[in-house]
Structures are given as structure tokens and as C-alpha cells.
C-alpha atoms as a PDB file:
ATOM      1  CA  MET A   1       0.000   0.000   0.000  1.00  0.00           C
ATOM      2  CA  GLU A   2       1.369   3.408  -0.995  1.00  0.00           C
ATOM      3  CA  ASP A   3       2.130   5.811   1.845  1.00  0.00           C
ATOM      4  CA  LEU A   4      -0.119   8.838   2.215  1.00  0.00           C
ATOM      5  CA  LYS A   5       1.485  12.056   0.951  1.00  0.00           C
ATOM      6  CA  LEU A   6       1.130  14.933   3.400  1.00  0.00           C
ATOM      7  CA  ALA A   7       1.678  18.678   3.462  1.00  0.00           C
ATOM      8  CA  VAL A   8       3.098  19.920   6.773  1.00  0.00           C
ATOM      9  CA  LEU A   9       2.263  23.632   7.141  1.00  0.00           C
ATOM     10  CA  ILE A  10       3.672  25.370  10.234  1.00  0.00           C
ATOM     11  CA  ASP A  11       2.645  28.720  11.677  1.00  0.00           C
ATOM     12  CA  ALA A  12       5.953  30.053  13.007  1.00  0.00           C
ATOM     13  CA  ASP A  13       4.247  32.954  14.786  1.00  0.00           C
ATOM     14  CA  ASN A  14       2.830  30.764  17.559  1.00  0.00           C
ATOM     15  CA  ILE A  15       4.724  27.454  17.435  1.00  0.00           C
ATOM     16  CA  SER A  16       8.122  27.032  19.099  1.00  0.00           C
ATOM     17  CA  PRO A  17      11.069  25.405  17.249  1.00  0.00           C
ATOM     18  CA  LYS A  18      11.519  23.016  20.193  1.00  0.00           C
ATOM     19  CA  TYR A  19       8.609  21.026  18.754  1.00  0.00           C
ATOM     20  CA  VAL A  20      10.133  20.439  15.314  1.00  0.00           C
ATOM     21  CA  LYS A  21      11.122  16.807  15.966  1.00  0.00           C
ATOM     22  CA  VAL A  22       7.752  16.010  17.530  1.00  0.00           C
ATOM     23  CA  ILE A  23       5.961  17.578  14.543  1.00  0.00           C
ATOM     24  CA  LEU A  24       7.885  15.585  11.954  1.00  0.00           C
ATOM     25  CA  ASP A  25       7.736  12.342  13.947  1.00  0.00           C
ATOM     26  CA  GLU A  26       3.966  12.629  14.342  1.00  0.00           C
ATOM     27  CA  ALA A  27       3.549  13.424  10.636  1.00  0.00           C
ATOM     28  CA  ALA A  28       5.681  10.391   9.744  1.00  0.00           C
ATOM     29  CA  SER A  29       3.268   8.136  11.642  1.00  0.00           C
ATOM     30  CA  PHE A  30       0.557   9.063   9.106  1.00  0.00           C
ATOM     31  CA  GLY A  31       2.549   9.140   5.874  1.00  0.00           C
ATOM     32  CA  ILE A  32       5.293  10.935   3.971  1.00  0.00           C
ATOM     33  CA  ALA A  33       5.795  14.674   4.445  1.00  0.00           C
ATOM     34  CA  ALA A  34       5.989  15.515   0.733  1.00  0.00           C
ATOM     35  CA  VAL A  35       5.623  19.237   1.455  1.00  0.00           C
ATOM     36  CA  LYS A  36       7.180  20.951   4.498  1.00  0.00           C
ATOM     37  CA  ARG A  37       6.664  24.709   4.757  1.00  0.00           C
ATOM     38  CA  ILE A  38       6.812  27.207   7.591  1.00  0.00           C
ATOM     39  CA  TYR A  39       5.257  30.676   7.456  1.00  0.00           C
ATOM     40  CA  GLY A  40       6.310  33.897   9.145  1.00  0.00           C
ATOM     41  CA  ASP A  41       7.987  37.271   8.833  1.00  0.00           C
ATOM     42  CA  TRP A  42      11.622  36.193   8.832  1.00  0.00           C
ATOM     43  CA  SER A  43      12.795  39.761   9.289  1.00  0.00           C
ATOM     44  CA  ASP A  44      11.296  39.580  12.790  1.00  0.00           C
ATOM     45  CA  PRO A  45      14.017  38.849  15.408  1.00  0.00           C
ATOM     46  CA  ARG A  46      11.542  36.710  17.361  1.00  0.00           C
ATOM     47  CA  LEU A  47      11.762  34.013  14.667  1.00  0.00           C
ATOM     48  CA  LYS A  48      15.543  33.832  14.767  1.00  0.00           C
ATOM     49  CA  SER A  49      15.467  30.613  16.786  1.00  0.00           C
ATOM     50  CA  TRP A  50      13.605  28.856  13.971  1.00  0.00           C
ATOM     51  CA  ARG A  51      16.281  29.509  11.364  1.00  0.00           C
ATOM     52  CA  ALA A  52      18.762  27.029  12.861  1.00  0.00           C
ATOM     53  CA  VAL A  53      16.412  24.048  12.512  1.00  0.00           C
ATOM     54  CA  LEU A  54      14.975  24.703   9.057  1.00  0.00           C
ATOM     55  CA  LEU A  55      17.954  23.551   6.993  1.00  0.00           C
ATOM     56  CA  ASN A  56      18.559  20.357   8.975  1.00  0.00           C
ATOM     57  CA  ASN A  57      14.925  19.324   8.571  1.00  0.00           C
ATOM     58  CA  SER A  58      14.394  20.452   4.958  1.00  0.00           C
ATOM     59  CA  ILE A  59      11.591  22.828   5.905  1.00  0.00           C
ATOM     60  CA  ILE A  60      11.058  25.631   3.402  1.00  0.00           C
ATOM     61  CA  PRO A  61      10.554  29.084   4.993  1.00  0.00           C
ATOM     62  CA  MET A  62       7.796  31.138   3.379  1.00  0.00           C
ATOM     63  CA  GLN A  63       8.231  34.873   3.829  1.00  0.00           C
ATOM     64  CA  GLN A  64       5.168  36.910   4.756  1.00  0.00           C
ATOM     65  CA  TYR A  65       5.573  40.523   5.889  1.00  0.00           C
ATOM     66  CA  SER A  66       3.193  41.965   8.463  1.00  0.00           C
ATOM     67  CA  TYR A  67       1.511  44.778   6.560  1.00  0.00           C
ATOM     68  CA  THR A  68      -0.481  46.125   9.486  1.00  0.00           C
ATOM     69  CA  SER A  69       0.319  46.119  13.180  1.00  0.00           C
ATOM     70  CA  GLY A  70      -1.903  43.721  15.095  1.00  0.00           C
ATOM     71  CA  LYS A  71      -2.949  41.776  11.982  1.00  0.00           C
ATOM     72  CA  ASN A  72      -1.594  38.298  11.263  1.00  0.00           C
ATOM     73  CA  ALA A  73      -0.813  38.045   7.556  1.00  0.00           C
ATOM     74  CA  THR A  74       0.827  34.633   8.116  1.00  0.00           C
ATOM     75  CA  ASP A  75      -2.565  32.955   8.536  1.00  0.00           C
ATOM     76  CA  SER A  76      -3.749  34.183   5.155  1.00  0.00           C
ATOM     77  CA  ALA A  77      -0.572  32.992   3.434  1.00  0.00           C
ATOM     78  CA  MET A  78      -0.943  29.515   4.945  1.00  0.00           C
ATOM     79  CA  ILE A  79      -4.592  29.282   3.951  1.00  0.00           C
ATOM     80  CA  ILE A  80      -3.911  30.361   0.356  1.00  0.00           C
ATOM     81  CA  ASP A  81      -1.065  27.848  -0.007  1.00  0.00           C
ATOM     82  CA  ALA A  82      -3.156  25.076   1.528  1.00  0.00           C
ATOM     83  CA  MET A  83      -5.922  25.654  -1.016  1.00  0.00           C
ATOM     84  CA  ASP A  84      -3.405  25.748  -3.890  1.00  0.00           C
ATOM     85  CA  LEU A  85      -1.992  22.415  -2.705  1.00  0.00           C
ATOM     86  CA  LEU A  86      -5.492  20.991  -2.356  1.00  0.00           C
ATOM     87  CA  TYR A  87      -6.430  21.835  -5.939  1.00  0.00           C
ATOM     88  CA  ALA A  88      -3.098  20.508  -7.242  1.00  0.00           C
ATOM     89  CA  GLY A  89      -4.473  17.093  -6.297  1.00  0.00           C
ATOM     90  CA  ASN A  90      -1.172  15.467  -5.336  1.00  0.00           C
ATOM     91  CA  LEU A  91      -1.728  15.127  -1.580  1.00  0.00           C
ATOM     92  CA  GLY A  92      -3.811  12.872   0.619  1.00  0.00           C
ATOM     93  CA  GLY A  93      -3.614  14.860   3.834  1.00  0.00           C
ATOM     94  CA  PHE A  94      -2.551  18.033   5.632  1.00  0.00           C
ATOM     95  CA  CYS A  95      -0.839  18.691   8.952  1.00  0.00           C
ATOM     96  CA  ILE A  96      -1.851  22.165  10.159  1.00  0.00           C
ATOM     97  CA  VAL A  97       0.600  23.116  12.901  1.00  0.00           C
ATOM     98  CA  SER A  98      -0.717  26.041  14.930  1.00  0.00           C
ATOM     99  CA  SER A  99      -2.461  26.829  18.199  1.00  0.00           C
ATOM    100  CA  ASP A 100      -4.515  29.491  16.404  1.00  0.00           C
ATOM    101  CA  SER A 101      -8.229  28.715  16.063  1.00  0.00           C
ATOM    102  CA  ASP A 102      -8.353  30.916  12.933  1.00  0.00           C
ATOM    103  CA  PHE A 103      -7.512  27.746  10.988  1.00  0.00           C
ATOM    104  CA  THR A 104     -10.798  26.093  11.975  1.00  0.00           C
ATOM    105  CA  ARG A 105     -12.518  26.846   8.660  1.00  0.00           C
ATOM    106  CA  LEU A 106      -9.468  25.706   6.673  1.00  0.00           C
ATOM    107  CA  ALA A 107      -9.438  22.345   8.467  1.00  0.00           C
ATOM    108  CA  ALA A 108     -13.155  21.895   7.842  1.00  0.00           C
ATOM    109  CA  ARG A 109     -12.778  22.762   4.146  1.00  0.00           C
ATOM    110  CA  LEU A 110      -9.922  20.292   3.640  1.00  0.00           C
ATOM    111  CA  ARG A 111     -11.967  17.541   5.273  1.00  0.00           C
ATOM    112  CA  GLU A 112     -14.915  18.381   3.020  1.00  0.00           C
ATOM    113  CA  ALA A 113     -12.588  17.677   0.105  1.00  0.00           C
ATOM    114  CA  GLY A 114     -11.897  14.210   1.514  1.00  0.00           C
ATOM    115  CA  LYS A 115      -8.418  14.934   2.851  1.00  0.00           C
ATOM    116  CA  LEU A 116      -7.021  13.683   6.151  1.00  0.00           C
ATOM    117  CA  VAL A 117      -6.445  16.661   8.468  1.00  0.00           C
ATOM    118  CA  ILE A 118      -4.043  16.373  11.394  1.00  0.00           C
ATOM    119  CA  GLY A 119      -3.937  19.371  13.706  1.00  0.00           C
ATOM    120  CA  MET A 120      -0.958  20.026  15.963  1.00  0.00           C
ATOM    121  CA  GLY A 121      -0.619  22.694  18.611  1.00  0.00           C
ATOM    122  CA  GLU A 122      -0.248  23.321  22.307  1.00  0.00           C
ATOM    123  CA  SER A 123      -2.868  22.367  24.874  1.00  0.00           C
ATOM    124  CA  LYS A 124      -4.109  25.980  24.900  1.00  0.00           C
ATOM    125  CA  THR A 125      -5.628  25.435  21.448  1.00  0.00           C
ATOM    126  CA  LEU A 126      -9.347  26.188  21.471  1.00  0.00           C
ATOM    127  CA  GLY A 127     -11.936  23.474  20.961  1.00  0.00           C
ATOM    128  CA  PRO A 128     -13.361  24.538  17.558  1.00  0.00           C
ATOM    129  CA  PHE A 129     -10.034  24.026  15.765  1.00  0.00           C
ATOM    130  CA  VAL A 130      -9.443  20.722  17.577  1.00  0.00           C
ATOM    131  CA  LYS A 131     -12.865  19.378  16.623  1.00  0.00           C
ATOM    132  CA  ALA A 132     -12.466  20.467  12.996  1.00  0.00           C
ATOM    133  CA  CYS A 133      -9.530  18.063  12.523  1.00  0.00           C
ATOM    134  CA  ASP A 134      -9.608  14.301  12.027  1.00  0.00           C
ATOM    135  CA  GLN A 135      -7.004  14.039  14.768  1.00  0.00           C
ATOM    136  CA  PHE A 136      -5.281  16.606  16.958  1.00  0.00           C
ATOM    137  CA  LYS A 137      -1.903  16.225  18.681  1.00  0.00           C
ATOM    138  CA  TYR A 138      -0.879  18.298  21.710  1.00  0.00           C
ATOM    139  CA  LEU A 139       2.797  19.028  21.118  1.00  0.00           C
ATOM    140  CA  ASP A 140       3.591  20.174  24.649  1.00  0.00           C
ATOM    141  CA  LEU A 141       2.119  17.035  26.196  1.00  0.00           C
ATOM    142  CA  ILE A 142       3.930  14.709  23.788  1.00  0.00           C
ATOM    143  CA  LEU A 143       7.237  16.509  24.334  1.00  0.00           C
ATOM    144  CA  GLY A 144       6.716  16.422  28.070  1.00  0.00           C
ATOM    145  CA  HIS A 145       6.272  12.656  28.062  1.00  0.00           C
ATOM    146  CA  GLN A 146       9.398  12.232  25.956  1.00  0.00           C
ATOM    147  CA  ASP A 147      11.521  14.359  28.270  1.00  0.00           C
ATOM    148  CA  GLU A 148      10.610  12.713  31.537  1.00  0.00           C
ATOM    149  CA  ASP A 149       9.972   9.269  32.888  1.00  0.00           C
ATOM    150  CA  ALA A 150       6.416   8.778  33.987  1.00  0.00           C
ATOM    151  CA  ALA A 151       6.409  10.655  37.282  1.00  0.00           C
ATOM    152  CA  PRO A 152       3.581   9.962  39.743  1.00  0.00           C
ATOM    153  CA  THR A 153       1.919  13.280  38.917  1.00  0.00           C
ATOM    154  CA  ALA A 154       2.516  13.187  35.162  1.00  0.00           C
ATOM    155  CA  THR A 155      -0.879  11.668  34.376  1.00  0.00           C
ATOM    156  CA  ASP A 156      -2.783  14.217  36.430  1.00  0.00           C
ATOM    157  CA  THR A 157      -0.825  17.120  34.923  1.00  0.00           C
ATOM    158  CA  ALA A 158      -1.347  15.927  31.349  1.00  0.00           C
ATOM    159  CA  GLU A 159      -5.026  15.255  31.894  1.00  0.00           C
ATOM    160  CA  ALA A 160      -5.579  18.679  33.424  1.00  0.00           C
ATOM    161  CA  ALA A 161      -3.900  20.312  30.436  1.00  0.00           C
ATOM    162  CA  ALA A 162      -6.024  18.338  28.007  1.00  0.00           C
ATOM    163  CA  LEU A 163      -9.182  19.317  29.850  1.00  0.00           C
ATOM    164  CA  ALA A 164      -8.278  22.994  29.967  1.00  0.00           C
ATOM    165  CA  GLN A 165      -8.454  23.420  26.190  1.00  0.00           C
ATOM    166  CA  ALA A 166     -12.032  22.308  25.609  1.00  0.00           C
ATOM    167  CA  GLY A 167     -14.129  24.533  27.835  1.00  0.00           C
ATOM    168  CA  ASP A 168     -17.345  22.634  27.091  1.00  0.00           C
ATOM    169  CA  ASP A 169     -19.243  19.514  28.064  1.00  0.00           C
ATOM    170  CA  THR A 170     -17.395  17.457  25.435  1.00  0.00           C
ATOM    171  CA  ALA A 171     -14.112  17.651  27.357  1.00  0.00           C
ATOM    172  CA  ILE A 172     -12.185  14.417  27.278  1.00  0.00           C
ATOM    173  CA  ASN A 173     -11.166  12.797  30.559  1.00  0.00           C
ATOM    174  CA  ARG A 174     -10.906   9.304  31.973  1.00  0.00           C
ATOM    175  CA  ASP A 175     -14.549   9.236  33.048  1.00  0.00           C
ATOM    176  CA  SER A 176     -15.833  10.274  29.627  1.00  0.00           C
ATOM    177  CA  VAL A 177     -13.548   7.726  27.911  1.00  0.00           C
ATOM    178  CA  ALA A 178     -14.767   4.962  30.231  1.00  0.00           C
ATOM    179  CA  ARG A 179     -18.414   5.805  29.489  1.00  0.00           C
ATOM    180  CA  LEU A 180     -17.790   5.913  25.748  1.00  0.00           C
ATOM    181  CA  VAL A 181     -15.839   2.620  25.681  1.00  0.00           C
ATOM    182  CA  ARG A 182     -18.564   0.919  27.715  1.00  0.00           C
ATOM    183  CA  GLY A 183     -21.126   1.996  25.123  1.00  0.00           C
ATOM    184  CA  MET A 184     -18.872   0.887  22.248  1.00  0.00           C
ATOM    185  CA  ILE A 185     -18.427  -2.577  23.703  1.00  0.00           C
ATOM    186  CA  ASP A 186     -22.187  -2.938  24.136  1.00  0.00           C
ATOM    187  CA  GLU A 187     -22.738  -1.803  20.549  1.00  0.00           C
ATOM    188  CA  MET A 188     -19.951  -3.778  18.823  1.00  0.00           C
ATOM    189  CA  ASP A 189     -20.157  -6.926  20.936  1.00  0.00           C
ATOM    190  CA  ASP A 190     -20.626 -10.027  18.774  1.00  0.00           C
ATOM    191  CA  GLY A 191     -22.048 -12.003  21.636  1.00  0.00           C
ATOM    192  CA  THR A 192     -18.768 -12.906  23.310  1.00  0.00           C
ATOM    193  CA  GLY A 193     -18.383  -9.659  25.207  1.00  0.00           C
ATOM    194  CA  TRP A 194     -14.969  -9.031  23.612  1.00  0.00           C
ATOM    195  CA  VAL A 195     -14.166  -6.259  21.091  1.00  0.00           C
ATOM    196  CA  ARG A 196     -10.865  -5.566  19.330  1.00  0.00           C
ATOM    197  CA  THR A 197      -9.008  -2.702  20.960  1.00  0.00           C
ATOM    198  CA  SER A 198      -8.133  -1.342  17.500  1.00  0.00           C
ATOM    199  CA  ARG A 199     -11.851  -0.856  16.749  1.00  0.00           C
ATOM    200  CA  VAL A 200     -12.311   0.901  20.069  1.00  0.00           C
ATOM    201  CA  GLY A 201      -9.337   3.158  19.334  1.00  0.00           C
ATOM    202  CA  ASP A 202     -10.708   4.118  15.912  1.00  0.00           C
ATOM    203  CA  GLN A 203     -14.050   5.089  17.432  1.00  0.00           C
ATOM    204  CA  LEU A 204     -12.403   7.093  20.224  1.00  0.00           C
ATOM    205  CA  ILE A 205     -10.475   9.173  17.689  1.00  0.00           C
ATOM    206  CA  LYS A 206     -13.636   9.800  15.668  1.00  0.00           C
ATOM    207  CA  ARG A 207     -15.418  10.994  18.808  1.00  0.00           C
ATOM    208  CA  TYR A 208     -12.474  12.919  20.251  1.00  0.00           C
ATOM    209  CA  PRO A 209     -10.011  14.112  17.566  1.00  0.00           C
ATOM    210  CA  ASP A 210      -7.602  15.131  20.330  1.00  0.00           C
ATOM    211  CA  PHE A 211      -7.635  11.686  21.960  1.00  0.00           C
ATOM    212  CA  ASP A 212      -4.095  10.446  22.569  1.00  0.00           C
ATOM    213  CA  VAL A 213      -3.162   7.923  25.257  1.00  0.00           C
ATOM    214  CA  ARG A 214       0.041   9.869  25.904  1.00  0.00           C
ATOM    215  CA  ASN A 215      -2.098  12.708  27.246  1.00  0.00           C
ATOM    216  CA  PHE A 216      -2.956  10.335  30.096  1.00  0.00           C
ATOM    217  CA  GLY A 217       0.564   9.115  30.784  1.00  0.00           C
ATOM    218  CA  SER A 218       0.250   5.837  28.856  1.00  0.00           C
ATOM    219  CA  LYS A 219       2.351   4.554  25.975  1.00  0.00           C
ATOM    220  CA  SER A 220      -0.185   2.315  24.225  1.00  0.00           C
ATOM    221  CA  LEU A 221      -3.937   2.009  23.837  1.00  0.00           C
ATOM    222  CA  ASN A 222      -3.901  -1.505  25.282  1.00  0.00           C
ATOM    223  CA  LYS A 223      -2.160  -0.397  28.478  1.00  0.00           C
ATOM    224  CA  PHE A 224      -4.450   2.605  28.744  1.00  0.00           C
ATOM    225  CA  LEU A 225      -7.593   0.494  28.525  1.00  0.00           C
ATOM    226  CA  ALA A 226      -6.164  -2.077  30.929  1.00  0.00           C
ATOM    227  CA  SER A 227      -5.567   0.699  33.474  1.00  0.00           C
ATOM    228  CA  PHE A 228      -9.330   0.972  34.040  1.00  0.00           C
ATOM    229  CA  PRO A 229     -10.390  -1.349  36.875  1.00  0.00           C
ATOM    230  CA  GLU A 230     -13.662  -2.125  35.100  1.00  0.00           C
ATOM    231  CA  MET A 231     -11.954  -3.202  31.837  1.00  0.00           C
ATOM    232  CA  GLU A 232     -10.052  -6.333  30.927  1.00  0.00           C
ATOM    233  CA  VAL A 233      -7.614  -6.632  27.996  1.00  0.00           C
ATOM    234  CA  GLU A 234      -6.632  -9.993  26.521  1.00  0.00           C
ATOM    235  CA  GLU A 235      -4.111 -10.856  23.792  1.00  0.00           C
ATOM    236  CA  ARG A 236      -4.836 -13.667  21.375  1.00  0.00           C
ATOM    237  CA  ILE A 237      -2.585 -15.164  18.711  1.00  0.00           C
ATOM    238  CA  LEU A 238      -4.216 -15.645  15.323  1.00  0.00           C
ATOM    239  CA  SER A 239      -3.526 -18.614  13.059  1.00  0.00           C
ATOM    240  CA  ASN A 240      -1.028 -16.519  11.099  1.00  0.00           C
ATOM    241  CA  GLY A 241       0.913 -15.772  14.283  1.00  0.00           C
ATOM    242  CA  ASN A 242      -0.159 -12.150  14.638  1.00  0.00           C
ATOM    243  CA  PRO A 243      -1.168 -10.995  18.125  1.00  0.00           C
ATOM    244  CA  ILE A 244      -4.540  -9.258  18.456  1.00  0.00           C
ATOM    245  CA  GLN A 245      -5.752  -7.464  21.581  1.00  0.00           C
ATOM    246  CA  PHE A 246      -9.354  -7.547  22.764  1.00  0.00           C
ATOM    247  CA  VAL A 247     -11.094  -5.592  25.508  1.00  0.00           C
ATOM    248  CA  ARG A 248     -14.274  -6.196  27.490  1.00  0.00           C
ATOM    249  CA  MET A 249     -15.980  -4.904  30.569  1.00  0.00           C
ATOM    250  CA  ARG A 250     -15.217  -7.149  33.517  1.00  0.00           C
ATOM    251  CA  PRO A 251     -18.218  -9.314  34.402  1.00  0.00           C
ATOM    252  CA  ALA A 252     -20.011  -8.127  37.505  1.00  0.00           C
ATOM    253  CA  PRO A 253     -19.209 -10.396  40.436  1.00  0.00           C
ATOM    254  CA  LYS A 254     -21.995 -12.796  41.271  1.00  0.00           C
ATOM    255  CA  LYS A 255     -23.859 -11.936  44.422  1.00  0.00           C
ATOM    256  CA  PRO A 256     -23.750 -14.707  46.996  1.00  0.00           C
ATOM    257  CA  ALA A 257     -27.029 -16.507  47.533  1.00  0.00           C
ATOM    258  CA  PRO A 258     -28.841 -15.335  50.632  1.00  0.00           C
ATOM    259  CA  HIS A 259     -27.836 -17.426  53.630  1.00  0.00           C
ATOM    260  CA  LYS A 260     -30.657 -19.508  55.032  1.00  0.00           C
ATOM    261  CA  ASN A 261     -30.589 -20.191  58.732  1.00  0.00           C
ATOM    262  CA  THR A 262     -31.413 -23.891  59.157  1.00  0.00           C
ATOM    263  CA  ARG A 263     -30.913 -23.909  62.908  1.00  0.00           C
ATOM    264  CA  PRO A 264     -34.130 -24.065  64.899  1.00  0.00           C
ATOM    265  CA  ALA A 265     -35.089 -20.897  66.649  1.00  0.00           C
ATOM    266  CA  ALA A 266     -33.953 -20.828  70.246  1.00  0.00           C
ATOM    267  CA  LYS A 267     -36.707 -21.222  72.774  1.00  0.00           C
ATOM    268  CA  LYS A 268     -37.389 -18.262  74.905  1.00  0.00           C
ATOM    269  CA  ARG A 269     -36.401 -18.779  78.432  1.00  0.00           C
ATOM    270  CA  SER A 270     -39.380 -18.973  80.690  1.00  0.00           C
ATOM    271  CA  ALA A 271     -39.553 -16.282  83.285  1.00  0.00           C
ATOM    272  CA  ARG A 272     -38.503 -17.343  86.750  1.00  0.00           C
ATOM    273  CA  LYS A 273     -41.294 -17.885  89.145  1.00  0.00           C
ATOM    274  CA  LYS A 274     -41.207 -15.681  92.163  1.00  0.00           C
END
């Protein structure tokens, strides 16, 4: 199967160069970064730190002067280029790297055209942009998990950051994931009670584009699901030797039968005669 060709478009005005490796690694997990461009006013001293990493990573800088103070011309340049690339018809997906919700309509338009849209930004990114993407990756959370061993408070910190971005009743947390997985298992159960974890993962991403087990301090979907006390994960080996993981809700423990007292009732002691 041919790898998906992607365009990686980076908004240099609000993304730090410290994320460059994370950005390219995440893009590589979806396909080949056939186009890598970064947009900004390169005469601005604030973007100086980006210049050192562009050559080593073959990212093409696109110059866009700021014509008016307080207006972001970079966004417009990215949007125009994205539409040109869309109509060229050579790409299967786009990685929009920005924490700016102004790209919400662009993401929606690219998806309407049948393209895979991967959003990347920091956990401060607003919900509308996150939900407009097929998947959304929080760069600061991913980098944080790479830089430190899983500390006892890492899960709580990552989860709090993921919750902070949504600001609505669709916020993703462990409770909402547990409820959703429980419903999925009930719906997809073939009668055995077991469902492939890969099917559960696909549905989680469709429901929550920003779902990523690393946001919760886990390294794999199987380990994440197994961390719920009410869920059980089992690995089975197929006839071709490939391992497949399944998940189910743990059966409710059987209630013990009510204890029947077979001993005869004790006779009441007769009152002493005076």
C-alpha cells in the first residue's frame, strides 16, 4: 500500500522550534511529508530561533511581511497555499501546525474535500479548531512525556492540560472515555463480550479528535484500557501468528445466595417464678 502524501504547514508565529522533531515524527506516523513549509515574517528577530532548525529538517521558509500592526498576515498565506496544494491534487492529507483557532474553517474545508487533516498545537488550542480536525496532537504534552519518565503526577498534569483546552461539556477525561468505551463494547459486541481494541481506538479518535493515550501518561492504547479497573484486555494469537488485543468490561461479580438459617429458633427462656 502506498504511503499517504502529506503537506506539513507550520505557523511560526505561535509554534516554538523546540517542537520540530515532535511535529515531523507525528507526521511520519501518518505518511510521507511531501511538502514541508513554515510561514512567518523572517525579518522579525523573534523568529531567529527557527532559522537554525529549518535547513537540517528540509523545511522551506515562506516569507510573509506583516503589513499592518496587530494583523496576522501569516494565517492568510498559509490558507492560500493550503488551497493551492489541495487543488493541485497530489496530496492525501494536511498537517496544520498552529495553536490558532483561525484555521478552523481551513481544516473543515480540507476535510470536506476528503483529505485527512491532522492538527498540531499546544494544549491551549481552542476546541473549535481541535474538533475540525480528524485528529489533533498536543505538542507540549507529547514533548513532556518524551523528556521525563512517567512521574507519579505526570498523568494528572497531562489530563488537566487536556481538559483545559475544551471549555465545554465534550471535554475528554478518563470518566468520559470509560463511558464511551462501555457503550462501544455494548454496541460492537458479537455475543462474546470481547471487542478488538483497535476498533475501540478508531471510534475514540472519531469521537475525540484530540484523543491520545500519551495525554494520560500511557504509551499504548492496550495499556491505557487495561488501566481501568472495570476493563479487561486480553491478547490472542491468530492462526497466522499475529497478536490481536481484545477488551471487554469485567463481568459483575456474582452476588452470593442469601444465607438460610437452618438452625431451629432458640426457645425463649421462661420467666422465673417468684
